[in-house]
Protein backbone atom coordinates (compact mmCIF):
# COMPACT_ATOMS: atom_id res chain seq x y z
CA MET A 1 7.89 -104.51 -42.73
CA GLN A 2 4.58 -102.78 -43.37
CA SER A 3 1.58 -104.67 -42.04
CA HIS A 4 -1.40 -105.68 -44.17
CA GLN A 5 -3.49 -103.16 -42.25
CA ASP A 6 -1.05 -100.37 -43.10
CA LEU A 7 -1.19 -101.28 -46.80
CA SER A 8 -4.97 -101.23 -46.79
CA HIS A 9 -4.86 -97.67 -45.44
CA SER A 10 -2.15 -96.41 -47.81
CA GLU A 11 -3.65 -97.89 -50.99
CA PRO A 12 -6.87 -95.84 -51.01
CA SER A 13 -4.88 -92.75 -50.15
CA GLY A 14 -2.54 -93.36 -53.09
CA LYS A 15 -5.48 -93.89 -55.43
CA ARG A 16 -7.14 -90.72 -54.21
CA GLU A 17 -3.98 -88.74 -54.92
CA GLN A 18 -3.77 -90.25 -58.40
CA ALA A 19 -7.42 -89.38 -59.04
CA LYS A 20 -6.89 -85.81 -57.84
CA ALA A 21 -3.84 -85.41 -60.09
CA ALA A 22 -5.77 -86.86 -63.05
CA ASN A 23 -8.73 -84.54 -62.45
CA ARG A 24 -6.49 -81.50 -62.22
CA ALA A 25 -4.66 -82.49 -65.41
CA ALA A 26 -8.00 -83.00 -67.21
CA ILE A 27 -9.18 -79.54 -66.16
CA LEU A 28 -5.98 -77.87 -67.34
CA LYS A 29 -6.05 -79.76 -70.64
CA ALA A 30 -9.67 -78.73 -71.21
CA ALA A 31 -8.90 -75.13 -70.25
CA ARG A 32 -6.01 -74.88 -72.68
CA LEU A 33 -8.30 -75.94 -75.54
CA VAL A 34 -11.20 -73.71 -74.46
CA PHE A 35 -8.90 -70.70 -74.11
CA ALA A 36 -7.53 -71.43 -77.59
CA GLU A 37 -11.03 -71.74 -79.08
CA LEU A 38 -12.70 -68.77 -77.37
CA GLY A 39 -9.92 -66.65 -75.92
CA VAL A 40 -9.33 -66.14 -72.21
CA GLU A 41 -11.63 -63.12 -71.98
CA ALA A 42 -14.62 -64.79 -73.64
CA ALA A 43 -14.22 -68.23 -72.05
CA THR A 44 -16.16 -69.14 -68.89
CA VAL A 45 -15.71 -71.75 -66.20
CA ARG A 46 -18.85 -73.44 -67.53
CA ASP A 47 -17.22 -73.77 -70.96
CA ILE A 48 -14.27 -75.53 -69.35
CA ILE A 49 -16.46 -77.83 -67.23
CA ARG A 50 -18.33 -78.93 -70.37
CA GLN A 51 -15.02 -80.12 -71.85
CA THR A 52 -14.43 -82.49 -68.92
CA ASP A 53 -16.29 -85.46 -67.43
CA LEU A 54 -16.36 -83.75 -64.02
CA ALA A 55 -19.38 -82.47 -62.18
CA SER A 56 -19.46 -78.78 -61.25
CA GLY A 57 -19.06 -79.59 -57.56
CA THR A 58 -15.96 -81.70 -58.22
CA PHE A 59 -14.53 -79.08 -60.54
CA TYR A 60 -14.72 -76.33 -57.92
CA ASN A 61 -12.68 -78.44 -55.52
CA TYR A 62 -9.69 -77.63 -57.74
CA PHE A 63 -10.22 -74.12 -59.12
CA LYS A 64 -12.55 -71.27 -58.24
CA SER A 65 -12.26 -69.15 -61.39
CA LYS A 66 -10.94 -69.15 -64.94
CA GLU A 67 -8.23 -66.70 -63.84
CA GLU A 68 -7.03 -69.24 -61.30
CA ILE A 69 -6.97 -71.93 -63.97
CA TYR A 70 -5.05 -69.70 -66.38
CA GLY A 71 -2.56 -68.86 -63.65
CA ALA A 72 -2.08 -72.58 -62.99
CA LEU A 73 -1.36 -73.20 -66.68
CA VAL A 74 1.34 -70.54 -66.65
CA GLN A 75 2.86 -71.73 -63.35
CA ASP A 76 2.86 -75.40 -64.42
CA THR A 77 4.67 -74.38 -67.60
CA LEU A 78 7.34 -72.63 -65.53
CA ILE A 79 7.78 -75.63 -63.22
CA GLU A 80 8.16 -78.06 -66.10
CA PHE A 81 10.58 -75.79 -67.93
CA THR A 82 12.73 -75.40 -64.80
CA ARG A 83 13.11 -79.18 -64.78
CA LEU A 84 13.91 -79.14 -68.46
CA LEU A 85 16.60 -76.50 -67.94
CA LYS A 86 18.34 -78.65 -65.35
CA ASP A 87 18.31 -81.70 -67.63
CA MET A 88 19.63 -79.93 -70.73
CA LYS A 89 22.80 -78.51 -69.18
CA GLN A 90 26.12 -79.91 -70.32
CA GLU A 91 29.65 -79.25 -69.14
CA ASP A 92 31.90 -76.93 -71.12
CA MET A 93 29.07 -75.30 -73.06
CA SER A 94 29.94 -71.97 -74.65
CA TYR A 95 27.66 -69.03 -73.96
CA GLU A 96 26.31 -69.16 -77.51
CA ASP A 97 25.72 -72.91 -77.27
CA TYR A 98 23.91 -72.46 -73.97
CA LEU A 99 21.60 -69.80 -75.42
CA ARG A 100 20.83 -71.82 -78.52
CA THR A 101 20.15 -74.95 -76.49
CA ALA A 102 18.00 -73.17 -73.89
CA PHE A 103 15.96 -71.17 -76.39
CA GLY A 104 15.51 -74.20 -78.63
CA ALA A 105 14.39 -76.35 -75.70
CA TYR A 106 11.88 -73.74 -74.59
CA PHE A 107 10.36 -73.20 -78.03
CA ARG A 108 10.07 -76.94 -78.64
CA PHE A 109 8.55 -77.35 -75.19
CA LEU A 110 5.91 -74.72 -76.05
CA CYS A 111 5.03 -76.60 -79.22
CA GLN A 112 4.64 -79.87 -77.36
CA GLN A 113 2.32 -78.19 -74.87
CA ASN A 114 0.15 -76.87 -77.69
CA GLU A 115 -0.08 -80.03 -79.80
CA GLU A 116 -3.87 -80.22 -79.52
CA VAL A 117 -4.27 -76.45 -79.90
CA PHE A 118 -2.62 -76.62 -83.33
CA CYS A 119 -5.31 -79.10 -84.42
CA LEU A 120 -8.06 -76.50 -83.98
CA ASP A 121 -9.31 -74.69 -87.09
CA SER A 122 -8.61 -71.14 -85.92
CA PRO A 123 -6.92 -71.26 -82.52
CA ILE A 124 -6.37 -68.16 -80.42
CA ILE A 125 -2.87 -67.96 -78.96
CA ASN A 126 -3.20 -66.26 -75.59
CA LYS A 127 -0.09 -64.42 -74.43
CA PRO A 128 0.91 -65.75 -70.98
CA VAL A 129 0.83 -63.23 -68.15
CA MET A 130 3.95 -63.93 -66.11
CA ARG A 131 4.32 -62.48 -62.65
CA PHE A 132 7.95 -62.22 -61.60
CA ASP A 133 7.11 -62.37 -57.89
CA THR A 134 5.89 -65.98 -57.83
CA PRO A 135 8.11 -68.79 -56.45
CA GLU A 136 7.98 -70.57 -59.82
CA MET A 137 9.10 -67.51 -61.78
CA LYS A 138 11.80 -66.71 -59.26
CA ALA A 139 13.09 -70.29 -59.59
CA VAL A 140 13.28 -69.99 -63.39
CA PHE A 141 14.99 -66.61 -63.14
CA GLN A 142 17.63 -67.85 -60.69
CA GLU A 143 18.28 -71.03 -62.66
CA VAL A 144 18.81 -69.10 -65.89
CA ARG A 145 20.93 -66.42 -64.21
CA LYS A 146 23.14 -69.02 -62.53
CA ASP A 147 23.71 -70.78 -65.85
CA ILE A 148 24.44 -67.55 -67.71
CA GLU A 149 26.94 -66.43 -65.06
CA SER A 150 28.66 -69.81 -65.18
CA VAL A 151 29.20 -69.86 -68.96
CA LEU A 152 30.16 -66.17 -69.11
CA GLN A 153 32.76 -66.56 -66.35
CA ALA A 154 34.22 -69.56 -68.16
CA GLU A 155 34.74 -67.31 -71.18
CA GLY A 156 36.21 -64.48 -69.09
CA ARG A 157 33.22 -62.16 -69.60
CA THR A 158 32.72 -60.66 -66.18
CA LYS A 159 31.61 -57.10 -67.02
CA VAL A 160 28.04 -58.03 -67.84
CA ASP A 161 24.95 -57.19 -65.80
CA THR A 162 23.55 -60.70 -65.52
CA GLU A 163 20.36 -59.57 -63.81
CA TYR A 164 19.41 -57.41 -66.78
CA LEU A 165 20.67 -60.04 -69.20
CA THR A 166 18.55 -62.77 -67.60
CA ALA A 167 15.46 -60.57 -67.62
CA ALA A 168 16.09 -59.76 -71.30
CA ALA A 169 16.56 -63.43 -72.25
CA ILE A 170 13.33 -64.44 -70.49
CA GLY A 171 11.45 -61.57 -72.13
CA ILE A 172 12.77 -62.48 -75.56
CA ALA A 173 11.80 -66.12 -75.03
CA ARG A 174 8.28 -65.19 -73.97
CA GLU A 175 7.59 -62.74 -76.80
CA LEU A 176 9.20 -64.79 -79.56
CA GLY A 177 7.58 -67.95 -78.24
CA ASN A 178 4.15 -66.37 -78.51
CA CYS A 179 4.89 -65.09 -82.01
CA MET A 180 6.19 -68.52 -83.04
CA LEU A 181 3.01 -70.25 -81.79
CA ILE A 182 0.87 -67.82 -83.79
CA ARG A 183 2.86 -68.52 -86.96
CA ILE A 184 2.45 -72.27 -86.47
CA ALA A 185 -1.24 -72.04 -85.51
CA THR A 186 -2.07 -69.90 -88.56
CA LYS A 187 -0.11 -72.26 -90.81
CA SER A 188 2.09 -69.41 -92.00
CA CYS A 189 5.18 -71.38 -91.02
CA GLY A 190 6.02 -75.05 -90.53
CA ARG A 191 6.69 -76.16 -86.96
CA GLU A 192 10.34 -77.19 -87.26
CA HIS A 193 11.17 -74.15 -89.36
CA ALA A 194 9.43 -71.88 -86.85
CA ILE A 195 11.33 -73.41 -83.93
CA ASP A 196 14.68 -73.06 -85.71
CA GLU A 197 13.90 -69.52 -86.83
CA ALA A 198 12.85 -68.38 -83.35
CA THR A 199 15.85 -70.09 -81.76
CA GLU A 200 18.37 -68.43 -84.06
CA PHE A 201 16.76 -65.01 -83.76
CA ALA A 202 16.59 -65.18 -79.96
CA THR A 203 20.17 -66.44 -79.72
CA HIS A 204 21.65 -63.69 -81.89
CA MET A 205 19.53 -61.00 -80.24
CA THR A 206 20.80 -61.98 -76.78
CA LEU A 207 24.38 -62.35 -78.00
CA SER A 208 24.26 -58.82 -79.38
CA GLY A 209 23.24 -57.50 -75.97
CA VAL A 210 26.30 -59.05 -74.35
CA ARG A 211 28.63 -57.73 -77.03
CA HIS A 212 27.17 -54.25 -76.58
CA SER A 213 27.43 -54.26 -72.76
CA ALA A 214 31.00 -55.60 -72.84
CA THR A 215 32.33 -52.74 -74.95
C-alpha cells in the first residue's frame, strides 16, 4: 500500500503533468486559429502568445518557434489518426469498404479538428507539410500498408505494389482533405456533403489504381 508520504509526492507531480498538457494544448489550439487567420508565413510567435493566457517565459518552455508549433500540429494529427485507424478496423472488410471507411474517417477527423477555424470569417487553410521520415508518419504509413495488404490478400489480389499504393492513398487523402477544408471554409460546400464527396472521390481514385496495376 502506498504511504501518505508517497501520495503527497505523487499528487503535485500529477498536477504538474496535467498543467503541462493543458498549456501545450492551449498553445496548439491558439496556433491553429492564428495560422488560419493570418497564414503560417505571416503569423508570429507573439501573435500566438497573445491568444493564450500564458506568459512569454512559460510559452517558450514548450516551443521555440512557430515552425516547431506547426510541426507539432501536424505530428499530433498523425498520432491521433493512427489511433483512429486502429479503432475503425473491422473483420472481413472488403478492400473498397476499407478505403471508404478510412478516407471517410480521416476527412471527418479533419473537420472536427477545424471546428473553430470554420467559425472565422475568412480562414486560411494551410496545407500540412508532412515529412515521411518522422516516427509518426512512418507509423501511419505502416499501419495503412498493413491494412491494405490484409484486405487485398483476402480478396486474392497479390500482384499489387502496396508500397506505392499506400503512398498514393496517403497523398490522395492529404490533397483532397485540404481541398475539402477550403470548400467548407469558403462556404462553397456543406460539411457533410463535402465529406461524402471527398470520400467517394478518394475511394474510386484509389480503386482505379489497383485495377490498373492488376491488369
